[in-house]
Amino acid sequence: MTSMRARFDLFTLIALGGLLAGALARAKLVDEFALFMAPVFLGDRALPCLRGVQWPLARAPRLDVIESERVGEDVFVRARPRAGTREA
């Protein structure tokens, strides 16, 4: 995908489930995350946004927030993996 992006200047938005999102994050193929967060507690039966990913807190990828905005009761956040910690 990197060579395609460089060749065609592609912007790709992928709306997907947690399993594919987790696989892309583990493979370091995510340049930017766009997240909608709702102020609710879902409990331990909720599905994670990145399934199959279990980083210890000390090694968890850090994100740099580019943009955040309230959208009704929710919050929209755009963030990129922090340089030097690109495990996501």
N, C-alpha and C. Protein backbone atom coordinates (compact mmCIF):
# COMPACT_ATOMS: atom_id res chain seq x y z
N MET A 1 0.82 -1.19 0.00
CA MET A 1 0.00 0.00 0.00
C MET A 1 0.86 1.25 0.00
N THR A 2 2.04 1.22 0.64
CA THR A 2 2.91 2.39 0.68
C THR A 2 3.30 2.82 -0.72
N SER A 3 3.68 1.86 -1.57
CA SER A 3 4.07 2.22 -2.93
C SER A 3 2.88 2.76 -3.71
N MET A 4 1.69 2.23 -3.49
CA MET A 4 0.50 2.76 -4.16
C MET A 4 0.23 4.18 -3.71
N ARG A 5 0.36 4.44 -2.40
CA ARG A 5 0.11 5.78 -1.88
C ARG A 5 1.09 6.77 -2.50
N ALA A 6 2.36 6.40 -2.55
CA ALA A 6 3.37 7.29 -3.12
C ALA A 6 3.13 7.52 -4.61
N ARG A 7 2.71 6.49 -5.27
CA ARG A 7 2.51 6.57 -6.73
C ARG A 7 1.25 7.34 -7.09
N PHE A 8 0.18 7.14 -6.35
CA PHE A 8 -1.10 7.73 -6.71
C PHE A 8 -1.61 8.76 -5.70
N ASP A 9 -0.83 9.02 -4.64
CA ASP A 9 -1.23 9.96 -3.58
C ASP A 9 -2.62 9.59 -3.05
N LEU A 10 -2.74 8.36 -2.60
CA LEU A 10 -4.03 7.83 -2.15
C LEU A 10 -4.35 8.21 -0.72
N PHE A 11 -5.60 8.46 -0.47
CA PHE A 11 -6.14 8.58 0.88
C PHE A 11 -7.16 7.48 1.00
N THR A 12 -6.98 6.60 1.93
CA THR A 12 -7.88 5.47 2.07
C THR A 12 -8.53 5.51 3.43
N LEU A 13 -9.84 5.47 3.44
CA LEU A 13 -10.60 5.40 4.68
C LEU A 13 -11.16 4.00 4.76
N ILE A 14 -10.85 3.33 5.85
CA ILE A 14 -11.34 1.97 6.03
C ILE A 14 -12.24 1.95 7.26
N ALA A 15 -13.51 1.70 7.03
CA ALA A 15 -14.45 1.52 8.13
C ALA A 15 -14.64 0.02 8.29
N LEU A 16 -14.25 -0.50 9.44
CA LEU A 16 -14.22 -1.94 9.58
C LEU A 16 -14.44 -2.37 11.00
N GLY A 17 -14.48 -3.64 11.19
CA GLY A 17 -14.65 -4.19 12.52
C GLY A 17 -13.32 -4.31 13.25
N GLY A 18 -13.42 -4.68 14.52
CA GLY A 18 -12.24 -4.73 15.38
C GLY A 18 -11.20 -5.76 14.99
N LEU A 19 -11.61 -6.87 14.38
CA LEU A 19 -10.66 -7.91 14.02
C LEU A 19 -9.72 -7.43 12.92
N LEU A 20 -10.28 -6.85 11.85
CA LEU A 20 -9.44 -6.33 10.77
C LEU A 20 -8.66 -5.10 11.23
N ALA A 21 -9.28 -4.25 12.02
CA ALA A 21 -8.58 -3.06 12.54
C ALA A 21 -7.38 -3.49 13.38
N GLY A 22 -7.55 -4.51 14.21
CA GLY A 22 -6.45 -5.02 15.02
C GLY A 22 -5.33 -5.60 14.17
N ALA A 23 -5.69 -6.33 13.13
CA ALA A 23 -4.68 -6.92 12.24
C ALA A 23 -3.89 -5.82 11.53
N LEU A 24 -4.57 -4.78 11.06
CA LEU A 24 -3.88 -3.66 10.39
C LEU A 24 -2.97 -2.92 11.36
N ALA A 25 -3.43 -2.73 12.59
CA ALA A 25 -2.62 -2.05 13.59
C ALA A 25 -1.38 -2.86 13.94
N ARG A 26 -1.54 -4.17 14.13
CA ARG A 26 -0.40 -5.04 14.43
C ARG A 26 0.62 -5.04 13.30
N ALA A 27 0.14 -4.94 12.06
CA ALA A 27 1.03 -4.95 10.89
C ALA A 27 1.61 -3.56 10.60
N LYS A 28 1.30 -2.59 11.44
CA LYS A 28 1.79 -1.21 11.30
C LYS A 28 1.37 -0.59 9.98
N LEU A 29 0.14 -0.85 9.55
CA LEU A 29 -0.37 -0.32 8.29
C LEU A 29 -1.35 0.83 8.49
N VAL A 30 -1.47 1.33 9.71
CA VAL A 30 -2.40 2.42 9.99
C VAL A 30 -1.61 3.72 10.15
N ASP A 31 -1.89 4.68 9.28
CA ASP A 31 -1.23 5.99 9.36
C ASP A 31 -1.98 6.93 10.29
N GLU A 32 -3.30 6.75 10.36
CA GLU A 32 -4.12 7.67 11.14
C GLU A 32 -5.40 6.95 11.59
N PHE A 33 -5.80 7.23 12.81
CA PHE A 33 -7.03 6.67 13.36
C PHE A 33 -8.09 7.76 13.42
N ALA A 34 -9.31 7.42 13.09
CA ALA A 34 -10.46 8.32 13.25
C ALA A 34 -11.45 7.58 14.13
N LEU A 35 -11.68 8.10 15.33
CA LEU A 35 -12.48 7.40 16.33
C LEU A 35 -13.64 8.25 16.79
N PHE A 36 -14.78 7.63 16.95
CA PHE A 36 -15.90 8.27 17.64
C PHE A 36 -16.01 7.60 19.00
N MET A 37 -15.99 8.38 20.04
CA MET A 37 -16.08 7.84 21.39
C MET A 37 -17.35 8.36 22.05
N ALA A 38 -18.10 7.43 22.62
CA ALA A 38 -19.34 7.78 23.31
C ALA A 38 -19.10 7.68 24.82
N PRO A 39 -19.65 8.60 25.58
CA PRO A 39 -19.45 8.57 27.04
C PRO A 39 -20.35 7.56 27.73
N VAL A 40 -20.06 6.27 27.48
CA VAL A 40 -20.83 5.20 28.12
C VAL A 40 -19.86 4.09 28.53
N PHE A 41 -20.19 3.39 29.61
CA PHE A 41 -19.44 2.21 30.02
C PHE A 41 -20.15 0.99 29.45
N LEU A 42 -19.42 0.15 28.71
CA LEU A 42 -20.03 -1.00 28.07
C LEU A 42 -19.84 -2.29 28.85
N GLY A 43 -18.88 -2.32 29.74
CA GLY A 43 -18.65 -3.53 30.52
C GLY A 43 -17.73 -4.51 29.81
N ASP A 44 -17.53 -5.67 30.45
CA ASP A 44 -16.54 -6.63 29.94
C ASP A 44 -17.03 -7.47 28.78
N ARG A 45 -18.27 -7.33 28.37
CA ARG A 45 -18.77 -8.10 27.23
C ARG A 45 -18.74 -7.30 25.92
N ALA A 46 -18.29 -6.06 25.99
CA ALA A 46 -18.21 -5.23 24.79
C ALA A 46 -17.04 -5.68 23.92
N LEU A 47 -17.16 -5.46 22.63
CA LEU A 47 -16.08 -5.79 21.71
C LEU A 47 -15.09 -4.63 21.63
N PRO A 48 -13.80 -4.94 21.66
CA PRO A 48 -12.79 -3.88 21.57
C PRO A 48 -12.69 -3.34 20.14
N CYS A 49 -12.21 -2.12 20.00
CA CYS A 49 -12.06 -1.55 18.66
C CYS A 49 -10.87 -2.18 17.93
N LEU A 50 -9.89 -2.71 18.67
CA LEU A 50 -8.77 -3.44 18.08
C LEU A 50 -8.73 -4.84 18.69
N ARG A 51 -9.38 -5.78 18.03
CA ARG A 51 -9.41 -7.15 18.56
C ARG A 51 -8.10 -7.87 18.25
N GLY A 52 -7.70 -8.74 19.15
CA GLY A 52 -6.50 -9.55 18.95
C GLY A 52 -5.21 -8.82 19.25
N VAL A 53 -5.31 -7.63 19.84
CA VAL A 53 -4.12 -6.84 20.17
C VAL A 53 -4.04 -6.74 21.69
N GLN A 54 -2.90 -7.13 22.25
CA GLN A 54 -2.72 -7.05 23.70
C GLN A 54 -1.32 -6.55 23.99
N TRP A 55 -1.17 -5.23 24.04
CA TRP A 55 0.12 -4.64 24.39
C TRP A 55 0.16 -4.39 25.88
N PRO A 56 1.30 -4.68 26.54
CA PRO A 56 1.45 -4.25 27.93
C PRO A 56 1.41 -2.72 27.95
N LEU A 57 0.90 -2.15 29.02
CA LEU A 57 0.74 -0.70 29.10
C LEU A 57 2.03 0.05 28.77
N ALA A 58 3.15 -0.44 29.26
CA ALA A 58 4.43 0.24 29.02
C ALA A 58 4.83 0.24 27.55
N ARG A 59 4.34 -0.73 26.76
CA ARG A 59 4.69 -0.81 25.34
C ARG A 59 3.55 -0.45 24.43
N ALA A 60 2.44 -0.04 24.99
CA ALA A 60 1.28 0.30 24.17
C ALA A 60 1.61 1.50 23.29
N PRO A 61 1.22 1.45 22.03
CA PRO A 61 1.50 2.56 21.13
C PRO A 61 0.84 3.85 21.62
N ARG A 62 1.57 4.94 21.53
CA ARG A 62 1.04 6.26 21.90
C ARG A 62 0.55 6.94 20.63
N LEU A 63 -0.49 7.73 20.77
CA LEU A 63 -1.06 8.46 19.63
C LEU A 63 -0.92 9.95 19.86
N ASP A 64 -0.68 10.69 18.79
CA ASP A 64 -0.70 12.14 18.83
C ASP A 64 -2.04 12.59 18.27
N VAL A 65 -2.80 13.30 19.09
CA VAL A 65 -4.12 13.78 18.66
C VAL A 65 -3.94 14.96 17.71
N ILE A 66 -4.56 14.85 16.55
CA ILE A 66 -4.50 15.88 15.53
C ILE A 66 -5.71 16.80 15.63
N GLU A 67 -6.84 16.18 15.97
CA GLU A 67 -8.09 16.92 15.99
C GLU A 67 -9.04 16.22 16.95
N SER A 68 -9.83 16.99 17.65
CA SER A 68 -10.92 16.43 18.45
C SER A 68 -12.07 17.41 18.42
N GLU A 69 -13.27 16.86 18.43
CA GLU A 69 -14.46 17.71 18.30
C GLU A 69 -15.66 16.99 18.90
N ARG A 70 -16.47 17.73 19.61
CA ARG A 70 -17.74 17.16 20.10
C ARG A 70 -18.71 17.04 18.96
N VAL A 71 -19.36 15.90 18.89
CA VAL A 71 -20.38 15.66 17.88
C VAL A 71 -21.60 15.15 18.64
N GLY A 72 -22.49 16.06 18.98
CA GLY A 72 -23.61 15.70 19.85
C GLY A 72 -23.07 15.30 21.21
N GLU A 73 -23.43 14.12 21.68
CA GLU A 73 -22.93 13.63 22.96
C GLU A 73 -21.59 12.91 22.82
N ASP A 74 -21.18 12.62 21.59
CA ASP A 74 -19.96 11.87 21.34
C ASP A 74 -18.77 12.81 21.12
N VAL A 75 -17.58 12.21 21.02
CA VAL A 75 -16.36 12.96 20.72
C VAL A 75 -15.68 12.27 19.54
N PHE A 76 -15.36 13.06 18.52
CA PHE A 76 -14.61 12.56 17.37
C PHE A 76 -13.14 12.91 17.60
N VAL A 77 -12.26 11.92 17.40
CA VAL A 77 -10.82 12.13 17.60
C VAL A 77 -10.08 11.60 16.38
N ARG A 78 -9.21 12.42 15.83
CA ARG A 78 -8.27 12.00 14.79
C ARG A 78 -6.90 11.97 15.41
N ALA A 79 -6.18 10.86 15.24
CA ALA A 79 -4.87 10.71 15.87
C ALA A 79 -3.96 9.86 15.00
N ARG A 80 -2.66 10.12 15.13
CA ARG A 80 -1.63 9.37 14.40
C ARG A 80 -0.72 8.66 15.39
N PRO A 81 -0.22 7.49 15.00
CA PRO A 81 0.78 6.84 15.86
C PRO A 81 1.97 7.78 16.06
N ARG A 82 2.43 7.90 17.29
CA ARG A 82 3.55 8.78 17.62
C ARG A 82 4.84 8.25 17.00
N ALA A 83 5.61 9.13 16.41
CA ALA A 83 6.89 8.77 15.79
C ALA A 83 7.77 8.11 16.85
N GLY A 84 8.42 7.04 16.47
CA GLY A 84 9.30 6.35 17.39
C GLY A 84 8.60 5.28 18.20
N THR A 85 7.27 5.30 18.25
CA THR A 85 6.52 4.28 18.98
C THR A 85 5.49 3.65 18.05
N ARG A 86 5.81 3.55 16.79
CA ARG A 86 4.83 3.12 15.81
C ARG A 86 4.58 1.63 15.88
N GLU A 87 3.94 1.21 16.93
CA GLU A 87 3.51 -0.19 17.03
C GLU A 87 2.07 -0.31 16.61
N ALA A 88 1.35 0.80 16.46
CA ALA A 88 -0.05 0.75 16.04
C ALA A 88 -0.15 0.99 14.57
